[in-house]
C-alpha atoms as a PDB file:
ATOM      1  CA  MET A   1      70.487 164.523 166.068  1.00  0.00           C
ATOM      2  CA  ALA A   2      70.758 162.415 162.895  1.00  0.00           C
ATOM      3  CA  ARG A   3      70.222 164.076 159.543  1.00  0.00           C
ATOM      4  CA  THR A   4      67.341 162.919 157.418  1.00  0.00           C
ATOM      5  CA  ARG A   5      68.286 161.148 154.219  1.00  0.00           C
ATOM      6  CA  GLU A   6      67.819 163.534 151.310  1.00  0.00           C
ATOM      7  CA  PHE A   7      67.640 161.008 148.488  1.00  0.00           C
ATOM      8  CA  ASP A   8      65.463 158.078 147.491  1.00  0.00           C
ATOM      9  CA  ILE A   9      67.325 154.800 148.043  1.00  0.00           C
ATOM     10  CA  ASP A  10      65.470 152.872 145.320  1.00  0.00           C
ATOM     11  CA  GLN A  11      66.121 155.585 142.743  1.00  0.00           C
ATOM     12  CA  ALA A  12      69.768 155.685 143.806  1.00  0.00           C
ATOM     13  CA  VAL A  13      70.071 151.902 143.397  1.00  0.00           C
ATOM     14  CA  ASP A  14      68.450 152.145 139.950  1.00  0.00           C
ATOM     15  CA  ARG A  15      70.893 154.865 138.890  1.00  0.00           C
ATOM     16  CA  ALA A  16      73.848 152.909 140.274  1.00  0.00           C
ATOM     17  CA  THR A  17      72.618 149.771 138.492  1.00  0.00           C
ATOM     18  CA  ASP A  18      72.546 151.650 135.223  1.00  0.00           C
ATOM     19  CA  LEU A  19      76.072 152.958 135.802  1.00  0.00           C
ATOM     20  CA  PHE A  20      77.457 149.527 136.742  1.00  0.00           C
ATOM     21  CA  TRP A  21      75.654 148.017 133.760  1.00  0.00           C
ATOM     22  CA  ARG A  22      77.148 150.536 131.333  1.00  0.00           C
ATOM     23  CA  ARG A  23      80.682 150.600 132.719  1.00  0.00           C
ATOM     24  CA  GLY A  24      81.168 147.371 134.645  1.00  0.00           C
ATOM     25  CA  TYR A  25      82.063 146.926 138.286  1.00  0.00           C
ATOM     26  CA  ALA A  26      85.815 147.483 138.019  1.00  0.00           C
ATOM     27  CA  GLU A  27      85.499 150.522 135.736  1.00  0.00           C
ATOM     28  CA  THR A  28      83.021 152.251 138.042  1.00  0.00           C
ATOM     29  CA  SER A  29      84.825 154.182 140.745  1.00  0.00           C
ATOM     30  CA  LEU A  30      83.435 155.436 144.016  1.00  0.00           C
ATOM     31  CA  GLN A  31      83.800 158.961 142.626  1.00  0.00           C
ATOM     32  CA  ASP A  32      81.696 157.945 139.592  1.00  0.00           C
ATOM     33  CA  LEU A  33      78.992 156.663 141.918  1.00  0.00           C
ATOM     34  CA  LEU A  34      79.032 159.770 144.106  1.00  0.00           C
ATOM     35  CA  GLN A  35      78.709 161.948 141.014  1.00  0.00           C
ATOM     36  CA  GLU A  36      75.950 159.801 139.456  1.00  0.00           C
ATOM     37  CA  LEU A  37      73.964 159.712 142.697  1.00  0.00           C
ATOM     38  CA  SER A  38      74.694 163.351 143.571  1.00  0.00           C
ATOM     39  CA  ILE A  39      75.598 162.477 147.153  1.00  0.00           C
ATOM     40  CA  GLY A  40      78.615 162.822 149.412  1.00  0.00           C
ATOM     41  CA  SER A  41      80.769 159.963 150.599  1.00  0.00           C
ATOM     42  CA  GLY A  42      79.291 160.057 154.119  1.00  0.00           C
ATOM     43  CA  SER A  43      75.770 159.634 152.763  1.00  0.00           C
ATOM     44  CA  PHE A  44      76.979 156.921 150.411  1.00  0.00           C
ATOM     45  CA  TYR A  45      78.611 154.870 153.167  1.00  0.00           C
ATOM     46  CA  ALA A  46      75.656 155.377 155.515  1.00  0.00           C
ATOM     47  CA  ALA A  47      73.185 154.188 152.880  1.00  0.00           C
ATOM     48  CA  PHE A  48      75.145 151.457 151.084  1.00  0.00           C
ATOM     49  CA  GLY A  49      78.195 150.507 153.132  1.00  0.00           C
ATOM     50  CA  SER A  50      80.575 150.072 150.213  1.00  0.00           C
ATOM     51  CA  LYS A  51      80.823 149.989 146.441  1.00  0.00           C
ATOM     52  CA  GLU A  52      80.665 146.184 146.543  1.00  0.00           C
ATOM     53  CA  GLN A  53      77.536 146.191 148.709  1.00  0.00           C
ATOM     54  CA  LEU A  54      75.843 148.651 146.366  1.00  0.00           C
ATOM     55  CA  TYR A  55      76.850 146.520 143.394  1.00  0.00           C
ATOM     56  CA  LEU A  56      75.370 143.413 145.005  1.00  0.00           C
ATOM     57  CA  ARG A  57      72.200 145.315 145.793  1.00  0.00           C
ATOM     58  CA  SER A  58      72.042 146.509 142.180  1.00  0.00           C
ATOM     59  CA  LEU A  59      72.586 142.981 140.914  1.00  0.00           C
ATOM     60  CA  ASP A  60      69.845 141.657 143.204  1.00  0.00           C
ATOM     61  CA  ARG A  61      67.414 144.291 141.953  1.00  0.00           C
ATOM     62  CA  TYR A  62      68.270 143.637 138.306  1.00  0.00           C
ATOM     63  CA  ALA A  63      67.923 139.845 138.716  1.00  0.00           C
ATOM     64  CA  SER A  64      64.642 140.265 140.568  1.00  0.00           C
ATOM     65  CA  LEU A  65      63.162 142.450 137.815  1.00  0.00           C
ATOM     66  CA  GLN A  66      64.359 140.089 135.076  1.00  0.00           C
ATOM     67  CA  ALA A  67      62.924 137.071 136.919  1.00  0.00           C
ATOM     68  CA  ALA A  68      59.596 138.844 137.425  1.00  0.00           C
ATOM     69  CA  ASP A  69      59.407 139.561 133.679  1.00  0.00           C
ATOM     70  CA  LEU A  70      60.172 135.936 132.860  1.00  0.00           C
ATOM     71  CA  GLU A  71      57.630 134.645 135.362  1.00  0.00           C
ATOM     72  CA  ARG A  72      54.969 137.035 134.054  1.00  0.00           C
ATOM     73  CA  VAL A  73      55.434 135.945 130.444  1.00  0.00           C
ATOM     74  CA  ILE A  74      55.384 132.248 131.361  1.00  0.00           C
ATOM     75  CA  GLU A  75      52.289 132.664 133.525  1.00  0.00           C
ATOM     76  CA  GLU A  76      50.355 134.913 131.139  1.00  0.00           C
ATOM     77  CA  THR A  77      51.051 133.118 127.858  1.00  0.00           C
ATOM     78  CA  ALA A  78      48.669 130.241 127.185  1.00  0.00           C
ATOM     79  CA  GLU A  79      51.274 127.951 125.598  1.00  0.00           C
ATOM     80  CA  ILE A  80      54.916 127.405 126.453  1.00  0.00           C
ATOM     81  CA  ARG A  81      56.429 127.697 122.955  1.00  0.00           C
ATOM     82  CA  PRO A  82      55.207 131.258 122.344  1.00  0.00           C
ATOM     83  CA  ALA A  83      56.237 132.200 125.894  1.00  0.00           C
ATOM     84  CA  VAL A  84      59.787 130.901 125.481  1.00  0.00           C
ATOM     85  CA  ARG A  85      60.079 132.441 122.013  1.00  0.00           C
ATOM     86  CA  GLN A  86      58.803 135.798 123.335  1.00  0.00           C
ATOM     87  CA  VAL A  87      61.339 135.859 126.170  1.00  0.00           C
ATOM     88  CA  LEU A  88      64.271 134.902 123.949  1.00  0.00           C
ATOM     89  CA  THR A  89      63.258 137.248 121.137  1.00  0.00           C
ATOM     90  CA  ALA A  90      63.030 140.141 123.605  1.00  0.00           C
ATOM     91  CA  MET A  91      66.600 139.413 124.736  1.00  0.00           C
ATOM     92  CA  ILE A  92      67.844 139.250 121.163  1.00  0.00           C
ATOM     93  CA  GLU A  93      66.120 142.538 120.303  1.00  0.00           C
ATOM     94  CA  ALA A  94      67.493 144.253 123.423  1.00  0.00           C
ATOM     95  CA  ASP A  95      71.009 143.156 122.525  1.00  0.00           C
ATOM     96  CA  LEU A  96      70.610 144.263 118.918  1.00  0.00           C
ATOM     97  CA  ALA A  97      69.377 147.667 120.094  1.00  0.00           C
ATOM     98  CA  ASP A  98      72.262 148.137 122.552  1.00  0.00           C
ATOM     99  CA  PRO A  99      74.932 145.438 122.308  1.00  0.00           C
ATOM    100  CA  THR A 100      77.283 147.167 124.730  1.00  0.00           C
ATOM    101  CA  ARG A 101      75.006 146.602 127.726  1.00  0.00           C
ATOM    102  CA  GLY A 102      74.281 142.909 127.476  1.00  0.00           C
ATOM    103  CA  CYS A 103      72.903 141.285 130.616  1.00  0.00           C
ATOM    104  CA  LEU A 104      74.104 142.427 134.033  1.00  0.00           C
ATOM    105  CA  VAL A 105      74.096 138.827 135.314  1.00  0.00           C
ATOM    106  CA  VAL A 106      76.253 137.629 132.409  1.00  0.00           C
ATOM    107  CA  ASN A 107      78.483 140.698 132.729  1.00  0.00           C
ATOM    108  CA  THR A 108      78.922 139.960 136.424  1.00  0.00           C
ATOM    109  CA  SER A 109      79.820 136.326 135.770  1.00  0.00           C
ATOM    110  CA  THR A 110      82.583 137.367 133.390  1.00  0.00           C
ATOM    111  CA  GLN A 111      83.795 140.459 135.275  1.00  0.00           C
ATOM    112  CA  CYS A 112      83.416 139.459 138.927  1.00  0.00           C
ATOM    113  CA  GLY A 113      83.656 135.669 138.899  1.00  0.00           C
ATOM    114  CA  ASP A 114      86.410 135.726 141.502  1.00  0.00           C
ATOM    115  CA  GLN A 115      84.209 137.598 144.009  1.00  0.00           C
ATOM    116  CA  GLN A 116      82.286 134.982 145.985  1.00  0.00           C
ATOM    117  CA  ALA A 117      79.300 137.168 146.845  1.00  0.00           C
ATOM    118  CA  ALA A 118      78.843 138.204 143.204  1.00  0.00           C
ATOM    119  CA  SER A 119      79.307 134.633 142.013  1.00  0.00           C
ATOM    120  CA  ASP A 120      76.681 133.455 144.510  1.00  0.00           C
ATOM    121  CA  ARG A 121      74.238 136.083 143.180  1.00  0.00           C
ATOM    122  CA  VAL A 122      74.829 134.950 139.599  1.00  0.00           C
ATOM    123  CA  THR A 123      74.206 131.331 140.569  1.00  0.00           C
ATOM    124  CA  ALA A 124      71.021 132.287 142.420  1.00  0.00           C
ATOM    125  CA  ALA A 125      69.759 134.321 139.435  1.00  0.00           C
ATOM    126  CA  MET A 126      70.372 131.432 137.037  1.00  0.00           C
ATOM    127  CA  ARG A 127      68.716 128.957 139.402  1.00  0.00           C
ATOM    128  CA  GLN A 128      65.681 131.233 139.585  1.00  0.00           C
ATOM    129  CA  VAL A 129      65.429 131.312 135.779  1.00  0.00           C
ATOM    130  CA  GLU A 130      65.779 127.519 135.725  1.00  0.00           C
ATOM    131  CA  THR A 131      63.028 127.148 138.329  1.00  0.00           C
ATOM    132  CA  PHE A 132      60.556 129.403 136.504  1.00  0.00           C
ATOM    133  CA  LEU A 133      61.244 127.688 133.191  1.00  0.00           C
ATOM    134  CA  ALA A 134      60.982 124.205 134.700  1.00  0.00           C
ATOM    135  CA  GLY A 135      57.644 125.073 136.283  1.00  0.00           C
ATOM    136  CA  GLY A 136      56.285 126.395 133.008  1.00  0.00           C
ATOM    137  CA  LEU A 137      57.594 123.383 131.097  1.00  0.00           C
ATOM    138  CA  GLU A 138      56.098 120.953 133.630  1.00  0.00           C
ATOM    139  CA  ARG A 139      52.693 122.604 133.298  1.00  0.00           C
ATOM    140  CA  ALA A 140      53.034 122.561 129.500  1.00  0.00           C
ATOM    141  CA  GLN A 141      53.884 118.868 129.600  1.00  0.00           C
ATOM    142  CA  ALA A 142      50.808 118.173 131.748  1.00  0.00           C
ATOM    143  CA  ARG A 143      48.710 119.978 129.091  1.00  0.00           C
ATOM    144  CA  GLY A 144      50.252 117.806 126.384  1.00  0.00           C
ATOM    145  CA  GLU A 145      52.305 120.567 124.732  1.00  0.00           C
ATOM    146  CA  ILE A 146      55.566 118.730 125.317  1.00  0.00           C
ATOM    147  CA  ALA A 147      56.141 115.005 124.839  1.00  0.00           C
ATOM    148  CA  ALA A 148      56.008 112.862 127.982  1.00  0.00           C
ATOM    149  CA  ASP A 149      59.550 111.586 127.367  1.00  0.00           C
ATOM    150  CA  LYS A 150      61.046 115.109 127.693  1.00  0.00           C
ATOM    151  CA  ASP A 151      62.505 116.102 131.063  1.00  0.00           C
ATOM    152  CA  PRO A 152      61.274 119.617 131.940  1.00  0.00           C
ATOM    153  CA  ARG A 153      64.197 120.216 134.330  1.00  0.00           C
ATOM    154  CA  GLU A 154      66.747 119.277 131.672  1.00  0.00           C
ATOM    155  CA  LEU A 155      64.980 121.514 129.144  1.00  0.00           C
ATOM    156  CA  ALA A 156      64.972 124.354 131.683  1.00  0.00           C
ATOM    157  CA  ARG A 157      68.699 123.903 132.216  1.00  0.00           C
ATOM    158  CA  PHE A 158      69.284 123.939 128.474  1.00  0.00           C
ATOM    159  CA  PHE A 159      67.283 127.160 128.049  1.00  0.00           C
ATOM    160  CA  THR A 160      69.011 128.746 131.063  1.00  0.00           C
ATOM    161  CA  THR A 161      72.335 127.993 129.394  1.00  0.00           C
ATOM    162  CA  PHE A 162      71.033 129.153 126.010  1.00  0.00           C
ATOM    163  CA  ILE A 163      69.941 132.473 127.527  1.00  0.00           C
ATOM    164  CA  GLN A 164      73.467 133.135 128.743  1.00  0.00           C
ATOM    165  CA  GLY A 165      74.867 132.247 125.337  1.00  0.00           C
ATOM    166  CA  ILE A 166      72.392 134.411 123.454  1.00  0.00           C
ATOM    167  CA  ARG A 167      73.352 137.364 125.667  1.00  0.00           C
ATOM    168  CA  ILE A 168      77.042 136.804 124.939  1.00  0.00           C
ATOM    169  CA  ILE A 169      76.557 136.593 121.171  1.00  0.00           C
ATOM    170  CA  GLY A 170      74.555 139.806 121.446  1.00  0.00           C
ATOM    171  CA  ARG A 171      77.507 141.551 123.060  1.00  0.00           C
ATOM    172  CA  ALA A 172      79.772 140.063 120.425  1.00  0.00           C
ATOM    173  CA  ARG A 173      77.538 141.657 117.765  1.00  0.00           C
ATOM    174  CA  MET A 174      76.989 138.413 115.896  1.00  0.00           C
ATOM    175  CA  GLY A 175      73.847 139.876 114.366  1.00  0.00           C
ATOM    176  CA  ARG A 176      70.176 139.093 113.905  1.00  0.00           C
ATOM    177  CA  GLU A 177      70.568 136.191 111.473  1.00  0.00           C
ATOM    178  CA  PHE A 178      73.023 134.372 113.763  1.00  0.00           C
ATOM    179  CA  ALA A 179      70.759 134.837 116.792  1.00  0.00           C
ATOM    180  CA  GLN A 180      67.583 133.866 114.910  1.00  0.00           C
ATOM    181  CA  ASP A 181      69.211 130.697 113.552  1.00  0.00           C
ATOM    182  CA  ALA A 182      70.299 129.722 117.062  1.00  0.00           C
ATOM    183  CA  LEU A 183      66.809 130.470 118.389  1.00  0.00           C
ATOM    184  CA  SER A 184      65.205 128.264 115.727  1.00  0.00           C
ATOM    185  CA  VAL A 185      67.371 125.322 116.743  1.00  0.00           C
ATOM    186  CA  ALA A 186      66.747 125.943 120.453  1.00  0.00           C
ATOM    187  CA  MET A 187      62.986 125.998 119.933  1.00  0.00           C
ATOM    188  CA  ARG A 188      63.153 122.558 118.285  1.00  0.00           C
ATOM    189  CA  THR A 189      64.223 121.065 121.609  1.00  0.00           C
ATOM    190  CA  LEU A 190      60.565 121.419 122.636  1.00  0.00           C
ATOM    191  CA  ASP A 191      59.368 119.224 119.715  1.00  0.00           C
END
């Protein structure tokens, strides 16, 4: 007779995500995960398969939550400029508050770029950001907020790239003034 699982999978993934986010994939050992999740190795392997599979699951959850936040802001804000500024300012503030964490997607791209599954997840997360931004920019253009000669897809790709850069300068502790200056220039691309 199989034993019943004695822990909540979603809570375990959230706790593992936090651990991976703080320490990085390579610096997080299986023993660290077992201790953080308060489970034995048998339960770990039965629930997650491997450290890599748990990491990918954590990355998927993180990217999904970040994308949902982005989509919500774009959908709920009446105009695109305040929506984009709100999203980017929130990232800057998060990095100023805790520069060691950065963004799990960016961290993964720099720490696990040689792992195909992780690299594929990073690409998918960035494409999702691009898609949400492009949709919002297309709707803004139809409302006349953005000039007709601007390409919403190109703008979305620029802002997707800018997001990654802003997260890196946050980790590098470049400071508020540096980030705000960069944000001001980025926002002018919508003029």
